[in-house]
């Protein structure tokens, strides 16, 4: 019993879900692509809030003159730290495609009243 308790605790904690905040890593105005990144350590299952990530991507798109952002493709995982043949850290990249044209309201300088 004494040996199974630590093993059970390690197994429970080995696949912990950790919340990560994605940050803007790359913006391509010509193709309208915004990339967001967050890190994931070994034995972790990192997640990010898709609503917040979409808001960050939409804000970047609006700065480039687009209306909104849509998720584009699947998340890409890139190994950033390798020890032997084991990947210790992943960098997860989320891609968003900017769509639409942002409309800015025109203010009139002539007052009719």
PDB file of N, CA and C in Angstrom:
ATOM      1  N   UNK A   1       0.813  -1.195   0.000  1.00  0.00           N
ATOM      2  CA  UNK A   1       0.000   0.000   0.000  1.00  0.00           C
ATOM      3  C   UNK A   1       0.856   1.259   0.000  1.00  0.00           C
ATOM      4  N   UNK A   2       1.987   1.183   0.744  1.00  0.00           N
ATOM      5  CA  UNK A   2       2.855   2.356   0.823  1.00  0.00           C
ATOM      6  C   UNK A   2       3.483   2.680  -0.530  1.00  0.00           C
ATOM      7  N   UNK A   3       3.730   1.678  -1.355  1.00  0.00           N
ATOM      8  CA  UNK A   3       4.358   1.913  -2.655  1.00  0.00           C
ATOM      9  C   UNK A   3       3.343   2.302  -3.714  1.00  0.00           C
ATOM     10  N   UNK A   4       2.117   1.882  -3.575  1.00  0.00           N
ATOM     11  CA  UNK A   4       1.112   2.206  -4.594  1.00  0.00           C
ATOM     12  C   UNK A   4       0.587   3.630  -4.466  1.00  0.00           C
ATOM     13  N   UNK A   5       0.592   4.193  -3.277  1.00  0.00           N
ATOM     14  CA  UNK A   5       0.100   5.561  -3.104  1.00  0.00           C
ATOM     15  C   UNK A   5       0.970   6.580  -3.850  1.00  0.00           C
ATOM     16  N   UNK A   6       2.299   6.572  -3.705  1.00  0.00           N
ATOM     17  CA  UNK A   6       3.103   7.524  -4.489  1.00  0.00           C
ATOM     18  C   UNK A   6       2.983   7.310  -5.998  1.00  0.00           C
ATOM     19  N   UNK A   7       2.875   6.069  -6.416  1.00  0.00           N
ATOM     20  CA  UNK A   7       2.722   5.776  -7.842  1.00  0.00           C
ATOM     21  C   UNK A   7       1.394   6.323  -8.342  1.00  0.00           C
ATOM     22  N   UNK A   8       0.346   6.166  -7.568  1.00  0.00           N
ATOM     23  CA  UNK A   8      -0.968   6.685  -7.954  1.00  0.00           C
ATOM     24  C   UNK A   8      -0.964   8.204  -8.027  1.00  0.00           C
ATOM     25  N   UNK A   9      -0.290   8.846  -7.096  1.00  0.00           N
ATOM     26  CA  UNK A   9      -0.213  10.313  -7.106  1.00  0.00           C
ATOM     27  C   UNK A   9       0.563  10.801  -8.320  1.00  0.00           C
ATOM     28  N   UNK A  10       1.659  10.140  -8.642  1.00  0.00           N
ATOM     29  CA  UNK A  10       2.444  10.519  -9.821  1.00  0.00           C
ATOM     30  C   UNK A  10       1.620  10.348 -11.090  1.00  0.00           C
ATOM     31  N   UNK A  11       0.874   9.267 -11.187  1.00  0.00           N
ATOM     32  CA  UNK A  11       0.040   9.045 -12.366  1.00  0.00           C
ATOM     33  C   UNK A  11      -1.071  10.079 -12.477  1.00  0.00           C
ATOM     34  N   UNK A  12      -1.649  10.475 -11.364  1.00  0.00           N
ATOM     35  CA  UNK A  12      -2.693  11.499 -11.393  1.00  0.00           C
ATOM     36  C   UNK A  12      -2.145  12.859 -11.812  1.00  0.00           C
ATOM     37  N   UNK A  13      -0.960  13.191 -11.330  1.00  0.00           N
ATOM     38  CA  UNK A  13      -0.383  14.499 -11.630  1.00  0.00           C
ATOM     39  C   UNK A  13       0.381  14.540 -12.947  1.00  0.00           C
ATOM     40  N   UNK A  14       0.611  13.405 -13.556  1.00  0.00           N
ATOM     41  CA  UNK A  14       1.435  13.376 -14.761  1.00  0.00           C
ATOM     42  C   UNK A  14       0.733  13.978 -15.973  1.00  0.00           C
ATOM     43  N   UNK A  15      -0.560  13.986 -15.985  1.00  0.00           N
ATOM     44  CA  UNK A  15      -1.287  14.522 -17.135  1.00  0.00           C
ATOM     45  C   UNK A  15      -2.116  15.724 -16.720  1.00  0.00           C
ATOM     46  N   UNK A  16      -1.528  16.622 -15.973  1.00  0.00           N
ATOM     47  CA  UNK A  16      -2.250  17.804 -15.503  1.00  0.00           C
ATOM     48  C   UNK A  16      -2.561  18.735 -16.670  1.00  0.00           C
ATOM     49  N   UNK A  17      -3.751  19.264 -16.655  1.00  0.00           N
ATOM     50  CA  UNK A  17      -4.125  20.265 -17.642  1.00  0.00           C
ATOM     51  C   UNK A  17      -3.761  21.629 -17.091  1.00  0.00           C
ATOM     52  N   UNK A  18      -2.967  22.368 -17.836  1.00  0.00           N
ATOM     53  CA  UNK A  18      -2.482  23.675 -17.416  1.00  0.00           C
ATOM     54  C   UNK A  18      -3.001  24.713 -18.392  1.00  0.00           C
ATOM     55  N   UNK A  19      -3.508  25.824 -17.861  1.00  0.00           N
ATOM     56  CA  UNK A  19      -4.002  26.894 -18.724  1.00  0.00           C
ATOM     57  C   UNK A  19      -2.840  27.815 -19.105  1.00  0.00           C
ATOM     58  N   UNK A  20      -2.684  28.069 -20.386  1.00  0.00           N
ATOM     59  CA  UNK A  20      -1.638  28.961 -20.899  1.00  0.00           C
ATOM     60  C   UNK A  20      -2.278  30.114 -21.667  1.00  0.00           C
ATOM     61  N   UNK A  21      -1.663  31.273 -21.558  1.00  0.00           N
ATOM     62  CA  UNK A  21      -2.117  32.449 -22.296  1.00  0.00           C
ATOM     63  C   UNK A  21      -1.319  32.543 -23.596  1.00  0.00           C
ATOM     64  N   UNK A  22      -2.007  32.476 -24.717  1.00  0.00           N
ATOM     65  CA  UNK A  22      -1.333  32.588 -26.012  1.00  0.00           C
ATOM     66  C   UNK A  22      -0.929  34.038 -26.250  1.00  0.00           C
ATOM     67  N   UNK A  23       0.178  34.228 -26.935  1.00  0.00           N
ATOM     68  CA  UNK A  23       0.641  35.578 -27.269  1.00  0.00           C
ATOM     69  C   UNK A  23       0.934  35.643 -28.767  1.00  0.00           C
ATOM     70  N   UNK A  24       0.836  36.831 -29.314  1.00  0.00           N
ATOM     71  CA  UNK A  24       1.057  37.026 -30.746  1.00  0.00           C
ATOM     72  C   UNK A  24       2.539  36.838 -31.039  1.00  0.00           C
ATOM     73  N   UNK A  25       2.835  35.959 -31.994  1.00  0.00           N
ATOM     74  CA  UNK A  25       4.227  35.698 -32.341  1.00  0.00           C
ATOM     75  C   UNK A  25       4.578  36.173 -33.750  1.00  0.00           C
ATOM     76  N   UNK A  26       3.606  36.177 -34.659  1.00  0.00           N
ATOM     77  CA  UNK A  26       3.897  36.552 -36.037  1.00  0.00           C
ATOM     78  C   UNK A  26       2.639  37.123 -36.679  1.00  0.00           C
ATOM     79  N   UNK A  27       2.815  38.195 -37.438  1.00  0.00           N
ATOM     80  CA  UNK A  27       1.716  38.823 -38.163  1.00  0.00           C
ATOM     81  C   UNK A  27       2.168  39.031 -39.596  1.00  0.00           C
ATOM     82  N   UNK A  28       1.406  38.516 -40.555  1.00  0.00           N
ATOM     83  CA  UNK A  28       1.702  38.692 -41.970  1.00  0.00           C
ATOM     84  C   UNK A  28       0.546  39.451 -42.606  1.00  0.00           C
ATOM     85  N   UNK A  29       0.764  40.737 -42.860  1.00  0.00           N
ATOM     86  CA  UNK A  29      -0.303  41.585 -43.387  1.00  0.00           C
ATOM     87  C   UNK A  29      -0.663  41.230 -44.823  1.00  0.00           C
ATOM     88  N   UNK A  30       0.312  40.790 -45.621  1.00  0.00           N
ATOM     89  CA  UNK A  30       0.031  40.475 -47.026  1.00  0.00           C
ATOM     90  C   UNK A  30      -0.911  39.292 -47.179  1.00  0.00           C
ATOM     91  N   UNK A  31      -0.676  38.238 -46.415  1.00  0.00           N
ATOM     92  CA  UNK A  31      -1.545  37.065 -46.521  1.00  0.00           C
ATOM     93  C   UNK A  31      -2.665  37.084 -45.496  1.00  0.00           C
ATOM     94  N   UNK A  32      -2.638  38.011 -44.549  1.00  0.00           N
ATOM     95  CA  UNK A  32      -3.684  38.115 -43.541  1.00  0.00           C
ATOM     96  C   UNK A  32      -3.664  36.981 -42.541  1.00  0.00           C
ATOM     97  N   UNK A  33      -2.469  36.564 -42.108  1.00  0.00           N
ATOM     98  CA  UNK A  33      -2.324  35.471 -41.153  1.00  0.00           C
ATOM     99  C   UNK A  33      -1.740  36.008 -39.852  1.00  0.00           C
ATOM    100  N   UNK A  34      -2.359  35.625 -38.732  1.00  0.00           N
ATOM    101  CA  UNK A  34      -1.867  35.969 -37.399  1.00  0.00           C
ATOM    102  C   UNK A  34      -1.563  34.655 -36.684  1.00  0.00           C
ATOM    103  N   UNK A  35      -0.363  34.556 -36.106  1.00  0.00           N
ATOM    104  CA  UNK A  35       0.027  33.344 -35.381  1.00  0.00           C
ATOM    105  C   UNK A  35       0.190  33.667 -33.902  1.00  0.00           C
ATOM    106  N   UNK A  36      -0.385  32.801 -33.072  1.00  0.00           N
ATOM    107  CA  UNK A  36      -0.286  32.913 -31.620  1.00  0.00           C
ATOM    108  C   UNK A  36       0.455  31.692 -31.091  1.00  0.00           C
ATOM    109  N   UNK A  37       1.283  31.878 -30.058  1.00  0.00           N
ATOM    110  CA  UNK A  37       2.071  30.786 -29.480  1.00  0.00           C
ATOM    111  C   UNK A  37       1.821  30.650 -27.988  1.00  0.00           C
ATOM    112  N   UNK A  38       1.942  29.417 -27.500  1.00  0.00           N
ATOM    113  CA  UNK A  38       2.029  29.157 -26.068  1.00  0.00           C
ATOM    114  C   UNK A  38       2.844  27.891 -25.863  1.00  0.00           C
ATOM    115  N   UNK A  39       3.434  27.755 -24.677  1.00  0.00           N
ATOM    116  CA  UNK A  39       4.322  26.636 -24.391  1.00  0.00           C
ATOM    117  C   UNK A  39       3.618  25.515 -23.655  1.00  0.00           C
ATOM    118  N   UNK A  40       4.171  24.309 -23.826  1.00  0.00           N
ATOM    119  CA  UNK A  40       3.645  23.124 -23.156  1.00  0.00           C
ATOM    120  C   UNK A  40       4.828  22.275 -22.711  1.00  0.00           C
ATOM    121  N   UNK A  41       4.922  22.023 -21.405  1.00  0.00           N
ATOM    122  CA  UNK A  41       6.022  21.225 -20.868  1.00  0.00           C
ATOM    123  C   UNK A  41       5.694  19.737 -20.957  1.00  0.00           C
ATOM    124  N   UNK A  42       6.712  18.931 -20.713  1.00  0.00           N
ATOM    125  CA  UNK A  42       6.527  17.486 -20.757  1.00  0.00           C
ATOM    126  C   UNK A  42       5.521  17.062 -19.686  1.00  0.00           C
ATOM    127  N   UNK A  43       4.721  16.072 -19.996  1.00  0.00           N
ATOM    128  CA  UNK A  43       3.700  15.508 -19.123  1.00  0.00           C
ATOM    129  C   UNK A  43       2.596  16.506 -18.776  1.00  0.00           C
ATOM    130  N   UNK A  44       2.453  17.551 -19.549  1.00  0.00           N
ATOM    131  CA  UNK A  44       1.369  18.500 -19.335  1.00  0.00           C
ATOM    132  C   UNK A  44       0.446  18.495 -20.545  1.00  0.00           C
ATOM    133  N   UNK A  45      -0.767  18.836 -20.291  1.00  0.00           N
ATOM    134  CA  UNK A  45      -1.733  19.029 -21.360  1.00  0.00           C
ATOM    135  C   UNK A  45      -2.168  20.492 -21.288  1.00  0.00           C
ATOM    136  N   UNK A  46      -1.492  21.336 -22.006  1.00  0.00           N
ATOM    137  CA  UNK A  46      -1.756  22.776 -21.943  1.00  0.00           C
ATOM    138  C   UNK A  46      -2.943  23.137 -22.820  1.00  0.00           C
ATOM    139  N   UNK A  47      -3.763  24.048 -22.326  1.00  0.00           N
ATOM    140  CA  UNK A  47      -4.896  24.559 -23.086  1.00  0.00           C
ATOM    141  C   UNK A  47      -4.865  26.083 -23.035  1.00  0.00           C
ATOM    142  N   UNK A  48      -5.551  26.682 -23.973  1.00  0.00           N
ATOM    143  CA  UNK A  48      -5.703  28.128 -23.976  1.00  0.00           C
ATOM    144  C   UNK A  48      -7.159  28.453 -24.247  1.00  0.00           C
ATOM    145  N   UNK A  49      -7.595  29.591 -23.790  1.00  0.00           N
ATOM    146  CA  UNK A  49      -8.979  30.006 -23.984  1.00  0.00           C
ATOM    147  C   UNK A  49      -9.158  30.459 -25.432  1.00  0.00           C
ATOM    148  N   UNK A  50      -9.971  29.735 -26.180  1.00  0.00           N
ATOM    149  CA  UNK A  50     -10.137  30.047 -27.605  1.00  0.00           C
ATOM    150  C   UNK A  50     -10.813  31.395 -27.814  1.00  0.00           C
ATOM    151  N   UNK A  51     -11.667  31.803 -26.891  1.00  0.00           N
ATOM    152  CA  UNK A  51     -12.338  33.104 -27.003  1.00  0.00           C
ATOM    153  C   UNK A  51     -11.332  34.246 -26.864  1.00  0.00           C
ATOM    154  N   UNK A  52     -10.443  34.140 -25.889  1.00  0.00           N
ATOM    155  CA  UNK A  52      -9.421  35.173 -25.681  1.00  0.00           C
ATOM    156  C   UNK A  52      -8.434  35.171 -26.843  1.00  0.00           C
ATOM    157  N   UNK A  53      -8.034  33.987 -27.317  1.00  0.00           N
ATOM    158  CA  UNK A  53      -7.097  33.901 -28.441  1.00  0.00           C
ATOM    159  C   UNK A  53      -7.706  34.497 -29.703  1.00  0.00           C
ATOM    160  N   UNK A  54      -8.984  34.222 -29.944  1.00  0.00           N
ATOM    161  CA  UNK A  54      -9.650  34.787 -31.117  1.00  0.00           C
ATOM    162  C   UNK A  54      -9.749  36.302 -30.988  1.00  0.00           C
ATOM    163  N   UNK A  55      -9.975  36.797 -29.789  1.00  0.00           N
ATOM    164  CA  UNK A  55     -10.014  38.248 -29.571  1.00  0.00           C
ATOM    165  C   UNK A  55      -8.672  38.910 -29.837  1.00  0.00           C
ATOM    166  N   UNK A  56      -7.584  38.256 -29.422  1.00  0.00           N
ATOM    167  CA  UNK A  56      -6.247  38.803 -29.684  1.00  0.00           C
ATOM    168  C   UNK A  56      -5.963  38.831 -31.175  1.00  0.00           C
ATOM    169  N   UNK A  57      -6.334  37.751 -31.872  1.00  0.00           N
ATOM    170  CA  UNK A  57      -6.107  37.683 -33.314  1.00  0.00           C
ATOM    171  C   UNK A  57      -6.984  38.702 -34.050  1.00  0.00           C
ATOM    172  N   UNK A  58      -8.218  38.863 -33.619  1.00  0.00           N
ATOM    173  CA  UNK A  58      -9.106  39.852 -34.248  1.00  0.00           C
ATOM    174  C   UNK A  58      -8.572  41.257 -34.055  1.00  0.00           C
ATOM    175  N   UNK A  59      -8.044  41.558 -32.870  1.00  0.00           N
ATOM    176  CA  UNK A  59      -7.466  42.881 -32.613  1.00  0.00           C
ATOM    177  C   UNK A  59      -6.280  43.150 -33.547  1.00  0.00           C
ATOM    178  N   UNK A  60      -5.427  42.126 -33.753  1.00  0.00           N
ATOM    179  CA  UNK A  60      -4.306  42.288 -34.680  1.00  0.00           C
ATOM    180  C   UNK A  60      -4.799  42.478 -36.110  1.00  0.00           C
ATOM    181  N   UNK A  61      -5.833  41.728 -36.489  1.00  0.00           N
ATOM    182  CA  UNK A  61      -6.388  41.862 -37.843  1.00  0.00           C
ATOM    183  C   UNK A  61      -6.969  43.256 -38.062  1.00  0.00           C
ATOM    184  N   UNK A  62      -7.657  43.784 -37.062  1.00  0.00           N
ATOM    185  CA  UNK A  62      -8.244  45.108 -37.191  1.00  0.00           C
ATOM    186  C   UNK A  62      -7.183  46.187 -37.304  1.00  0.00           C
ATOM    187  N   UNK A  63      -6.032  45.984 -36.687  1.00  0.00           N
ATOM    188  CA  UNK A  63      -4.928  46.937 -36.836  1.00  0.00           C
ATOM    189  C   UNK A  63      -4.367  46.923 -38.256  1.00  0.00           C
ATOM    190  N   UNK A  64      -4.573  45.799 -38.977  1.00  0.00           N
ATOM    191  CA  UNK A  64      -4.106  45.700 -40.361  1.00  0.00           C
ATOM    192  C   UNK A  64      -5.186  46.098 -41.358  1.00  0.00           C
ATOM    193  N   UNK A  65      -6.408  46.419 -40.888  1.00  0.00           N
ATOM    194  CA  UNK A  65      -7.466  46.853 -41.779  1.00  0.00           C
ATOM    195  C   UNK A  65      -8.498  45.788 -42.107  1.00  0.00           C
ATOM    196  N   UNK A  66      -8.389  44.621 -41.479  1.00  0.00           N
ATOM    197  CA  UNK A  66      -9.371  43.558 -41.689  1.00  0.00           C
ATOM    198  C   UNK A  66     -10.467  43.668 -40.632  1.00  0.00           C
ATOM    199  N   UNK A  67     -11.572  42.955 -40.851  1.00  0.00           N
ATOM    200  CA  UNK A  67     -12.701  43.040 -39.932  1.00  0.00           C
ATOM    201  C   UNK A  67     -12.579  42.062 -38.764  1.00  0.00           C
ATOM    202  N   UNK A  68     -12.248  40.812 -39.045  1.00  0.00           N
ATOM    203  CA  UNK A  68     -12.251  39.794 -37.999  1.00  0.00           C
ATOM    204  C   UNK A  68     -11.261  38.679 -38.326  1.00  0.00           C
ATOM    205  N   UNK A  69     -11.100  37.754 -37.374  1.00  0.00           N
ATOM    206  CA  UNK A  69     -10.183  36.624 -37.544  1.00  0.00           C
ATOM    207  C   UNK A  69     -10.934  35.315 -37.344  1.00  0.00           C
ATOM    208  N   UNK A  70     -10.547  34.305 -38.120  1.00  0.00           N
ATOM    209  CA  UNK A  70     -11.111  32.971 -38.006  1.00  0.00           C
ATOM    210  C   UNK A  70      -9.968  31.984 -37.820  1.00  0.00           C
ATOM    211  N   UNK A  71     -10.212  30.959 -36.995  1.00  0.00           N
ATOM    212  CA  UNK A  71      -9.197  29.919 -36.793  1.00  0.00           C
ATOM    213  C   UNK A  71      -8.879  29.274 -38.133  1.00  0.00           C
ATOM    214  N   UNK A  72      -7.591  29.048 -38.377  1.00  0.00           N
ATOM    215  CA  UNK A  72      -7.123  28.565 -39.675  1.00  0.00           C
ATOM    216  C   UNK A  72      -6.222  27.365 -39.448  1.00  0.00           C
ATOM    217  N   UNK A  73      -6.638  26.193 -39.895  1.00  0.00           N
ATOM    218  CA  UNK A  73      -5.806  25.004 -39.776  1.00  0.00           C
ATOM    219  C   UNK A  73      -5.808  24.434 -38.367  1.00  0.00           C
ATOM    220  N   UNK A  74      -4.937  23.467 -38.154  1.00  0.00           N
ATOM    221  CA  UNK A  74      -4.799  22.795 -36.862  1.00  0.00           C
ATOM    222  C   UNK A  74      -3.635  23.406 -36.088  1.00  0.00           C
ATOM    223  N   UNK A  75      -3.666  23.320 -34.748  1.00  0.00           N
ATOM    224  CA  UNK A  75      -2.509  23.779 -33.968  1.00  0.00           C
ATOM    225  C   UNK A  75      -1.262  22.973 -34.326  1.00  0.00           C
ATOM    226  N   UNK A  76      -0.140  23.658 -34.442  1.00  0.00           N
ATOM    227  CA  UNK A  76       1.121  23.004 -34.787  1.00  0.00           C
ATOM    228  C   UNK A  76       2.020  22.951 -33.557  1.00  0.00           C
ATOM    229  N   UNK A  77       2.527  21.769 -33.241  1.00  0.00           N
ATOM    230  CA  UNK A  77       3.431  21.595 -32.107  1.00  0.00           C
ATOM    231  C   UNK A  77       4.860  21.452 -32.615  1.00  0.00           C
ATOM    232  N   UNK A  78       5.758  22.261 -32.065  1.00  0.00           N
ATOM    233  CA  UNK A  78       7.173  22.221 -32.415  1.00  0.00           C
ATOM    234  C   UNK A  78       7.976  21.969 -31.148  1.00  0.00           C
ATOM    235  N   UNK A  79       8.864  21.009 -31.197  1.00  0.00           N
ATOM    236  CA  UNK A  79       9.698  20.704 -30.044  1.00  0.00           C
ATOM    237  C   UNK A  79      10.754  21.797 -29.879  1.00  0.00           C
ATOM    238  N   UNK A  80      10.843  22.351 -28.651  1.00  0.00           N
ATOM    239  CA  UNK A  80      11.804  23.425 -28.409  1.00  0.00           C
ATOM    240  C   UNK A  80      12.981  22.980 -27.552  1.00  0.00           C
ATOM    241  N   UNK A  81      12.789  21.949 -26.716  1.00  0.00           N
ATOM    242  CA  UNK A  81      13.863  21.453 -25.861  1.00  0.00           C
ATOM    243  C   UNK A  81      13.915  19.934 -25.963  1.00  0.00           C
ATOM    244  N   UNK A  82      15.086  19.417 -26.363  1.00  0.00           N
ATOM    245  CA  UNK A  82      15.251  17.979 -26.545  1.00  0.00           C
ATOM    246  C   UNK A  82      16.324  17.472 -25.588  1.00  0.00           C
ATOM    247  N   UNK A  83      16.038  16.339 -24.961  1.00  0.00           N
ATOM    248  CA  UNK A  83      17.024  15.662 -24.119  1.00  0.00           C
ATOM    249  C   UNK A  83      17.106  14.228 -24.603  1.00  0.00           C
ATOM    250  N   UNK A  84      18.180  13.915 -25.299  1.00  0.00           N
ATOM    251  CA  UNK A  84      18.310  12.582 -25.906  1.00  0.00           C
ATOM    252  C   UNK A  84      17.299  12.464 -27.038  1.00  0.00           C
ATOM    253  N   UNK A  85      16.390  11.518 -26.893  1.00  0.00           N
ATOM    254  CA  UNK A  85      15.332  11.375 -27.900  1.00  0.00           C
ATOM    255  C   UNK A  85      13.986  11.839 -27.363  1.00  0.00           C
ATOM    256  N   UNK A  86      14.001  12.479 -26.199  1.00  0.00           N
ATOM    257  CA  UNK A  86      12.772  12.904 -25.536  1.00  0.00           C
ATOM    258  C   UNK A  86      12.575  14.402 -25.696  1.00  0.00           C
ATOM    259  N   UNK A  87      11.388  14.792 -26.116  1.00  0.00           N
ATOM    260  CA  UNK A  87      11.065  16.213 -26.230  1.00  0.00           C
ATOM    261  C   UNK A  87      10.536  16.704 -24.885  1.00  0.00           C
ATOM    262  N   UNK A  88      11.209  17.702 -24.315  1.00  0.00           N
ATOM    263  CA  UNK A  88      10.832  18.193 -22.992  1.00  0.00           C
ATOM    264  C   UNK A  88       9.828  19.338 -23.052  1.00  0.00           C
ATOM    265  N   UNK A  89       9.893  20.172 -24.062  1.00  0.00           N
ATOM    266  CA  UNK A  89       8.981  21.314 -24.192  1.00  0.00           C
ATOM    267  C   UNK A  89       8.491  21.436 -25.627  1.00  0.00           C
ATOM    268  N   UNK A  90       7.223  21.767 -25.760  1.00  0.00           N
ATOM    269  CA  UNK A  90       6.630  22.033 -27.071  1.00  0.00           C
ATOM    270  C   UNK A  90       6.219  23.490 -27.149  1.00  0.00           C
ATOM    271  N   UNK A  91       6.266  24.024 -28.339  1.00  0.00           N
ATOM    272  CA  UNK A  91       5.725  25.347 -28.626  1.00  0.00           C
ATOM    273  C   UNK A  91       4.516  25.118 -29.533  1.00  0.00           C
ATOM    274  N   UNK A  92       3.329  25.481 -29.071  1.00  0.00           N
ATOM    275  CA  UNK A  92       2.095  25.272 -29.817  1.00  0.00           C
ATOM    276  C   UNK A  92       1.762  26.566 -30.553  1.00  0.00           C
ATOM    277  N   UNK A  93       1.544  26.474 -31.865  1.00  0.00           N
ATOM    278  CA  UNK A  93       1.220  27.631 -32.696  1.00  0.00           C
ATOM    279  C   UNK A  93      -0.211  27.524 -33.202  1.00  0.00           C
ATOM    280  N   UNK A  94      -1.001  28.553 -32.929  1.00  0.00           N
ATOM    281  CA  UNK A  94      -2.369  28.668 -33.432  1.00  0.00           C
ATOM    282  C   UNK A  94      -2.369  29.682 -34.561  1.00  0.00           C
ATOM    283  N   UNK A  95      -3.032  29.360 -35.662  1.00  0.00           N
ATOM    284  CA  UNK A  95      -3.072  30.271 -36.801  1.00  0.00           C
ATOM    285  C   UNK A  95      -4.486  30.802 -36.990  1.00  0.00           C
ATOM    286  N   UNK A  96      -4.564  32.076 -37.304  1.00  0.00           N
ATOM    287  CA  UNK A  96      -5.834  32.725 -37.590  1.00  0.00           C
ATOM    288  C   UNK A  96      -5.731  33.456 -38.922  1.00  0.00           C
ATOM    289  N   UNK A  97      -6.800  33.407 -39.683  1.00  0.00           N
ATOM    290  CA  UNK A  97      -6.850  34.097 -40.967  1.00  0.00           C
ATOM    291  C   UNK A  97      -7.742  35.313 -40.830  1.00  0.00           C
ATOM    292  N   UNK A  98      -7.237  36.454 -41.272  1.00  0.00           N
ATOM    293  CA  UNK A  98      -8.001  37.695 -41.228  1.00  0.00           C
ATOM    294  C   UNK A  98      -8.929  37.745 -42.433  1.00  0.00           C
ATOM    295  N   UNK A  99     -10.171  38.164 -42.184  1.00  0.00           N
ATOM    296  CA  UNK A  99     -11.151  38.246 -43.267  1.00  0.00           C
ATOM    297  C   UNK A  99     -11.939  39.537 -43.164  1.00  0.00           C
ATOM    298  N   UNK A 100     -12.493  39.926 -44.308  1.00  0.00           N
ATOM    299  CA  UNK A 100     -13.346  41.108 -44.352  1.00  0.00           C
ATOM    300  C   UNK A 100     -12.557  42.395 -44.346  1.00  0.00           C
ATOM    301  N   UNK A 101     -13.247  43.458 -44.635  1.00  0.00           N
ATOM    302  CA  UNK A 101     -12.632  44.769 -44.645  1.00  0.00           C
ATOM    303  C   UNK A 101     -13.244  45.591 -43.525  1.00  0.00           C
ATOM    304  N   UNK A 102     -12.408  46.161 -42.698  1.00  0.00           N
ATOM    305  CA  UNK A 102     -12.903  46.960 -41.589  1.00  0.00           C
ATOM    306  C   UNK A 102     -13.503  48.256 -42.128  1.00  0.00           C
ATOM    307  N   UNK A 103     -14.672  48.585 -41.642  1.00  0.00           N
ATOM    308  CA  UNK A 103     -15.358  49.809 -42.058  1.00  0.00           C
ATOM    309  C   UNK A 103     -15.222  50.816 -40.935  1.00  0.00           C
ATOM    310  N   UNK A 104     -14.673  51.963 -41.273  1.00  0.00           N
ATOM    311  CA  UNK A 104     -14.557  53.033 -40.295  1.00  0.00           C
ATOM    312  C   UNK A 104     -15.616  54.081 -40.601  1.00  0.00           C
ATOM    313  N   UNK A 105     -16.372  54.485 -39.598  1.00  0.00           N
ATOM    314  CA  UNK A 105     -17.415  55.481 -39.856  1.00  0.00           C
ATOM    315  C   UNK A 105     -16.807  56.831 -40.222  1.00  0.00           C
ATOM    316  N   UNK A 106     -17.425  57.487 -41.197  1.00  0.00           N
ATOM    317  CA  UNK A 106     -16.950  58.797 -41.618  1.00  0.00           C
ATOM    318  C   UNK A 106     -17.635  59.854 -40.770  1.00  0.00           C
ATOM    319  N   UNK A 107     -16.853  60.801 -40.334  1.00  0.00           N
ATOM    320  CA  UNK A 107     -17.416  61.904 -39.564  1.00  0.00           C
ATOM    321  C   UNK A 107     -17.508  63.104 -40.495  1.00  0.00           C
ATOM    322  N   UNK A 108     -18.626  63.707 -40.468  1.00  0.00           N
ATOM    323  CA  UNK A 108     -18.847  64.854 -41.334  1.00  0.00           C
ATOM    324  C   UNK A 108     -18.395  66.119 -40.622  1.00  0.00           C
ATOM    325  N   UNK A 109     -17.704  66.980 -41.368  1.00  0.00           N
ATOM    326  CA  UNK A 109     -17.285  68.253 -40.799  1.00  0.00           C
ATOM    327  C   UNK A 109     -18.347  69.323 -41.011  1.00  0.00           C
ATOM    328  N   UNK A 110     -19.274  69.058 -41.909  1.00  0.00           N
ATOM    329  CA  UNK A 110     -20.353  70.028 -42.157  1.00  0.00           C
ATOM    330  C   UNK A 110     -21.535  69.689 -41.252  1.00  0.00           C
ATOM    331  N   UNK A 111     -21.991  70.675 -40.559  1.00  0.00           N
ATOM    332  CA  UNK A 111     -23.153  70.486 -39.703  1.00  0.00           C
ATOM    333  C   UNK A 111     -24.352  71.135 -40.381  1.00  0.00           C
ATOM    334  N   UNK A 112     -25.392  70.339 -40.561  1.00  0.00           N
ATOM    335  CA  UNK A 112     -26.579  70.861 -41.237  1.00  0.00           C
ATOM    336  C   UNK A 112     -27.558  71.481 -40.245  1.00  0.00           C
ATOM    337  N   UNK A 113     -27.346  71.370 -38.986  1.00  0.00           N
ATOM    338  CA  UNK A 113     -28.282  71.925 -38.010  1.00  0.00           C
ATOM    339  C   UNK A 113     -27.751  73.158 -37.399  1.00  0.00           C
TER     340      UNK A 113
END
